[in-house]
Amino acid sequence: MTLPLPPLVVTKLARYVLDERPASDAQEVFLRLKAPHIALTDHASIYMIINKAFRASGVEDVKVGSRALRYNAASKLLQAGAALPTISAILGHAHSDSTNVYLNADTERLRACVLPLPEGALR
């Protein structure tokens, strides 16, 4: 799947690749900033980067990480009317059922799916 990148993201990526990426034989785009300059190896590396970015922007009282970013992206796509298989493909899920966890994000659309209870059903 090919998705467009906003111009600001393209500019930032180009600056990193052309000017800021440490010299390395590694094929991966994103590398550790501290030597040895190797590929980011685990989820903890990504978490630390995301956490540092949130703290630098002044967000202190929110639990952050890649899961929060993925949840936000899925929620926005769902609210925009994207189909679940599309959201699943964007997030890289092997099975579209994995995307069902994001269904609770669009409460208003879920409420529209609820049928009214018949008279006297709550007795």
Protein backbone atom coordinates (compact mmCIF):
# COMPACT_ATOMS: atom_id res chain seq x y z
CA MET A 1 0.00 0.00 0.00
CA THR A 2 1.31 3.44 -0.88
CA LEU A 3 0.22 6.37 1.26
CA PRO A 4 0.98 10.06 0.69
CA LEU A 5 3.31 11.84 3.08
CA PRO A 6 2.60 15.41 4.11
CA PRO A 7 5.23 17.86 2.79
CA LEU A 8 6.52 18.58 6.30
CA VAL A 9 7.21 14.87 6.88
CA VAL A 10 8.99 14.60 3.51
CA THR A 11 11.15 17.60 4.40
CA LYS A 12 12.05 16.21 7.83
CA LEU A 13 12.86 12.76 6.41
CA ALA A 14 15.02 14.27 3.67
CA ARG A 15 16.91 16.38 6.20
CA TYR A 16 17.54 13.33 8.36
CA VAL A 17 18.67 11.09 5.49
CA LEU A 18 20.83 13.72 3.78
CA ASP A 19 22.28 15.62 6.74
CA GLU A 20 21.66 14.00 10.12
CA ARG A 21 21.76 10.21 9.68
CA PRO A 22 24.96 8.82 11.18
CA ALA A 23 27.41 7.29 8.71
CA SER A 24 26.86 3.54 8.67
CA ASP A 25 26.82 0.51 6.40
CA ALA A 26 23.40 -0.42 7.81
CA GLN A 27 20.63 -0.67 5.21
CA GLU A 28 17.92 0.57 7.57
CA VAL A 29 16.93 4.22 7.40
CA PHE A 30 16.68 4.88 11.11
CA LEU A 31 19.72 4.15 13.26
CA ARG A 32 20.83 4.55 16.83
CA LEU A 33 22.27 8.00 17.40
CA LYS A 34 24.95 6.64 19.74
CA ALA A 35 27.72 4.45 18.38
CA PRO A 36 27.62 1.81 17.17
CA HIS A 37 25.20 3.26 14.58
CA ILE A 38 23.09 0.19 13.96
CA ALA A 39 19.39 -0.36 13.25
CA LEU A 40 16.93 0.19 16.06
CA THR A 41 16.63 -3.29 17.48
CA ASP A 42 13.50 -3.48 19.54
CA HIS A 43 10.25 -1.91 20.66
CA ALA A 44 11.99 -0.24 23.62
CA SER A 45 14.08 1.86 21.22
CA ILE A 46 10.99 3.15 19.45
CA TYR A 47 9.25 3.77 22.78
CA MET A 48 12.16 5.88 24.03
CA ILE A 49 12.13 8.02 20.88
CA ILE A 50 8.37 8.59 21.04
CA ASN A 51 8.48 9.28 24.77
CA LYS A 52 11.31 11.81 24.33
CA ALA A 53 9.42 13.59 21.52
CA PHE A 54 6.25 13.86 23.61
CA ARG A 55 8.14 15.16 26.64
CA ALA A 56 10.00 17.72 24.49
CA SER A 57 6.65 18.99 23.21
CA GLY A 58 5.40 19.50 26.76
CA VAL A 59 3.16 16.43 27.02
CA GLU A 60 3.93 15.01 30.44
CA ASP A 61 0.81 13.44 31.90
CA VAL A 62 -0.08 11.02 29.11
CA LYS A 63 1.14 7.46 28.63
CA VAL A 64 2.79 7.45 25.21
CA GLY A 65 4.31 4.90 22.89
CA SER A 66 3.82 3.37 19.49
CA ARG A 67 0.54 1.80 20.59
CA ALA A 68 -0.89 5.25 21.38
CA LEU A 69 0.19 6.53 17.96
CA ARG A 70 -1.28 3.50 16.17
CA TYR A 71 -4.52 3.80 18.14
CA ASN A 72 -4.76 7.49 17.27
CA ALA A 73 -4.13 6.83 13.58
CA ALA A 74 -6.69 4.01 13.48
CA SER A 75 -9.26 6.12 15.33
CA LYS A 76 -8.82 9.04 12.93
CA LEU A 77 -9.11 6.76 9.91
CA LEU A 78 -12.23 5.12 11.34
CA GLN A 79 -13.82 8.51 12.05
CA ALA A 80 -13.00 9.57 8.48
CA GLY A 81 -14.97 6.59 7.21
CA ALA A 82 -12.09 4.35 6.15
CA ALA A 83 -13.02 0.69 5.81
CA LEU A 84 -11.61 -1.74 8.38
CA PRO A 85 -9.60 -3.71 5.77
CA THR A 86 -7.96 -0.42 4.70
CA ILE A 87 -7.11 0.50 8.28
CA SER A 88 -5.79 -3.01 8.82
CA ALA A 89 -3.54 -2.75 5.77
CA ILE A 90 -2.22 0.67 6.82
CA LEU A 91 -1.36 -0.63 10.29
CA GLY A 92 0.25 -3.73 8.81
CA HIS A 93 -2.03 -6.22 10.52
CA ALA A 94 -1.81 -9.74 9.13
CA HIS A 95 -5.54 -10.23 9.76
CA SER A 96 -8.24 -7.58 9.54
CA ASP A 97 -9.76 -8.97 12.76
CA SER A 98 -6.83 -7.40 14.60
CA THR A 99 -8.29 -4.00 13.76
CA ASN A 100 -11.49 -4.66 15.71
CA VAL A 101 -9.82 -3.33 18.87
CA TYR A 102 -10.18 0.18 17.38
CA LEU A 103 -13.95 -0.08 16.89
CA ASN A 104 -14.69 1.41 20.30
CA ALA A 105 -12.96 4.62 19.21
CA ASP A 106 -15.94 5.81 17.17
CA THR A 107 -18.63 5.76 19.84
CA GLU A 108 -21.10 7.86 17.87
CA ARG A 109 -21.04 5.55 14.85
CA LEU A 110 -21.37 2.53 17.13
CA ARG A 111 -24.43 4.07 18.80
CA ALA A 112 -26.02 4.55 15.39
CA CYS A 113 -25.80 0.77 14.88
CA VAL A 114 -27.73 -0.09 18.05
CA LEU A 115 -31.34 -1.14 17.57
CA PRO A 116 -33.90 0.16 20.04
CA LEU A 117 -35.04 -2.30 22.69
CA PRO A 118 -38.61 -3.53 22.37
CA GLU A 119 -41.10 -2.13 24.87
CA GLY A 120 -40.76 -3.92 28.21
CA ALA A 121 -37.47 -5.69 27.35
CA LEU A 122 -35.69 -4.46 30.47
CA ARG A 123 -38.03 -6.14 32.95
